[in-house]
């Protein structure tokens, strides 16, 4: 069975990572969404993809970082949704200064400017 090419859209906050999956062929209607929330306290995961729901909790997750949960999310997508192929990803940047007021493709120059803004 062919995989559905998708775009992964991510929005990270101070204690959460929210995501949505959109098919490349029809980027207007999401296939589903989910989040890891409570990062740094009592992290938990919830997602709804079509009619399927998923949930997980980490009572020992206080010392786990955003990076850990990005890895979890990518591994989860590959394992739980084998019919989906993430072919592109987008991430929301809260403040891109005066240079970035609209969506851009991220390259080395954009990353350097965003790092400068930190």
Protein backbone atom coordinates (compact mmCIF):
# COMPACT_ATOMS: atom_id res chain seq x y z
CA UNK A 1 0.00 0.00 0.00
CA UNK A 2 1.49 3.40 -0.94
CA UNK A 3 2.18 5.86 1.83
CA UNK A 4 0.46 9.22 2.08
CA UNK A 5 3.01 12.04 1.69
CA UNK A 6 2.42 14.51 4.50
CA UNK A 7 3.61 17.82 5.88
CA UNK A 8 4.32 17.89 9.61
CA UNK A 9 3.53 21.28 11.17
CA UNK A 10 4.97 21.89 14.64
CA UNK A 11 4.41 24.62 17.23
CA UNK A 12 6.62 24.36 20.30
CA UNK A 13 5.86 26.33 23.44
CA UNK A 14 7.67 26.57 26.74
CA UNK A 15 6.16 23.30 28.01
CA UNK A 16 4.48 21.77 24.97
CA UNK A 17 4.89 20.57 21.41
CA UNK A 18 1.76 20.70 19.27
CA UNK A 19 1.60 19.17 15.81
CA UNK A 20 -0.67 18.61 12.84
CA UNK A 21 -0.31 16.42 9.76
CA UNK A 22 -1.50 17.59 6.35
CA UNK A 23 -1.53 15.54 3.16
CA UNK A 24 0.72 17.04 0.48
CA UNK A 25 -1.96 16.40 -2.16
CA UNK A 26 -4.58 18.43 -0.25
CA UNK A 27 -2.88 20.67 2.29
CA UNK A 28 -6.08 22.24 3.54
CA UNK A 29 -7.61 19.45 5.63
CA UNK A 30 -5.51 17.99 8.45
CA UNK A 31 -5.18 14.23 8.74
CA UNK A 32 -4.91 14.70 12.48
CA UNK A 33 -3.14 16.46 15.28
CA UNK A 34 -1.75 16.01 18.74
CA UNK A 35 0.52 17.34 21.44
CA UNK A 36 2.98 16.61 24.15
CA UNK A 37 2.20 18.89 27.07
CA UNK A 38 3.56 19.29 30.57
CA UNK A 39 7.19 19.06 29.46
CA UNK A 40 9.39 19.58 32.50
CA UNK A 41 6.61 18.67 34.93
CA UNK A 42 4.38 15.67 34.12
CA UNK A 43 4.54 15.15 30.35
CA UNK A 44 1.69 13.50 28.52
CA UNK A 45 0.95 12.79 24.87
CA UNK A 46 -2.39 12.80 23.10
CA UNK A 47 -3.17 12.57 19.39
CA UNK A 48 -6.14 12.05 17.13
CA UNK A 49 -5.49 10.81 13.61
CA UNK A 50 -8.69 10.17 11.72
CA UNK A 51 -10.87 8.04 13.99
CA UNK A 52 -7.87 6.75 16.00
CA UNK A 53 -6.81 8.22 19.32
CA UNK A 54 -3.50 7.77 21.10
CA UNK A 55 -2.33 8.65 24.60
CA UNK A 56 0.76 8.20 26.74
CA UNK A 57 2.05 9.57 30.05
CA UNK A 58 5.51 9.78 31.58
CA UNK A 59 5.37 10.02 35.38
CA UNK A 60 9.18 10.09 35.43
CA UNK A 61 9.47 12.69 32.67
CA UNK A 62 10.45 15.76 34.65
CA UNK A 63 14.02 15.72 33.37
CA UNK A 64 13.14 15.11 29.72
CA UNK A 65 13.69 17.98 27.32
CA UNK A 66 11.90 19.24 24.23
CA UNK A 67 14.59 17.48 22.18
CA UNK A 68 13.64 14.17 23.81
CA UNK A 69 9.99 14.65 22.90
CA UNK A 70 10.80 15.71 19.32
CA UNK A 71 12.55 12.35 19.03
CA UNK A 72 9.57 10.60 20.60
CA UNK A 73 7.21 12.30 18.14
CA UNK A 74 9.24 11.30 15.08
CA UNK A 75 9.60 7.72 16.32
CA UNK A 76 5.89 7.58 17.16
CA UNK A 77 4.91 8.83 13.70
CA UNK A 78 7.02 6.11 12.05
CA UNK A 79 5.69 3.33 14.28
CA UNK A 80 2.05 4.26 14.87
CA UNK A 81 1.36 5.64 11.39
CA UNK A 82 3.23 3.43 8.92
CA UNK A 83 0.87 4.61 6.17
CA UNK A 84 2.23 8.17 6.50
CA UNK A 85 5.48 9.51 5.05
CA UNK A 86 6.59 12.89 6.41
CA UNK A 87 8.06 14.58 3.36
CA UNK A 88 8.28 18.13 4.71
CA UNK A 89 8.06 19.90 8.04
CA UNK A 90 7.28 23.42 9.15
CA UNK A 91 7.84 25.05 12.52
CA UNK A 92 6.31 28.19 13.89
CA UNK A 93 8.80 30.85 14.97
CA UNK A 94 7.23 33.35 17.34
CA UNK A 95 9.42 36.32 16.51
CA UNK A 96 11.61 36.56 13.43
CA UNK A 97 12.48 40.20 13.85
CA UNK A 98 11.83 42.63 11.03
CA UNK A 99 13.42 40.31 8.47
CA UNK A 100 10.88 37.48 8.81
CA UNK A 101 7.26 38.53 8.87
CA UNK A 102 6.04 35.80 6.48
CA UNK A 103 6.82 32.11 5.89
CA UNK A 104 10.31 31.34 4.56
CA UNK A 105 12.29 28.24 3.69
CA UNK A 106 14.87 27.70 6.40
CA UNK A 107 18.47 27.60 5.25
CA UNK A 108 21.80 28.33 6.95
CA UNK A 109 21.37 32.12 6.61
CA UNK A 110 17.87 32.06 8.14
CA UNK A 111 19.06 29.86 11.01
CA UNK A 112 21.98 32.21 11.65
CA UNK A 113 19.66 35.24 11.76
CA UNK A 114 17.20 33.49 14.09
CA UNK A 115 20.09 32.47 16.36
CA UNK A 116 21.25 36.09 16.40
CA UNK A 117 17.77 37.14 17.52
CA UNK A 118 17.88 34.78 20.50
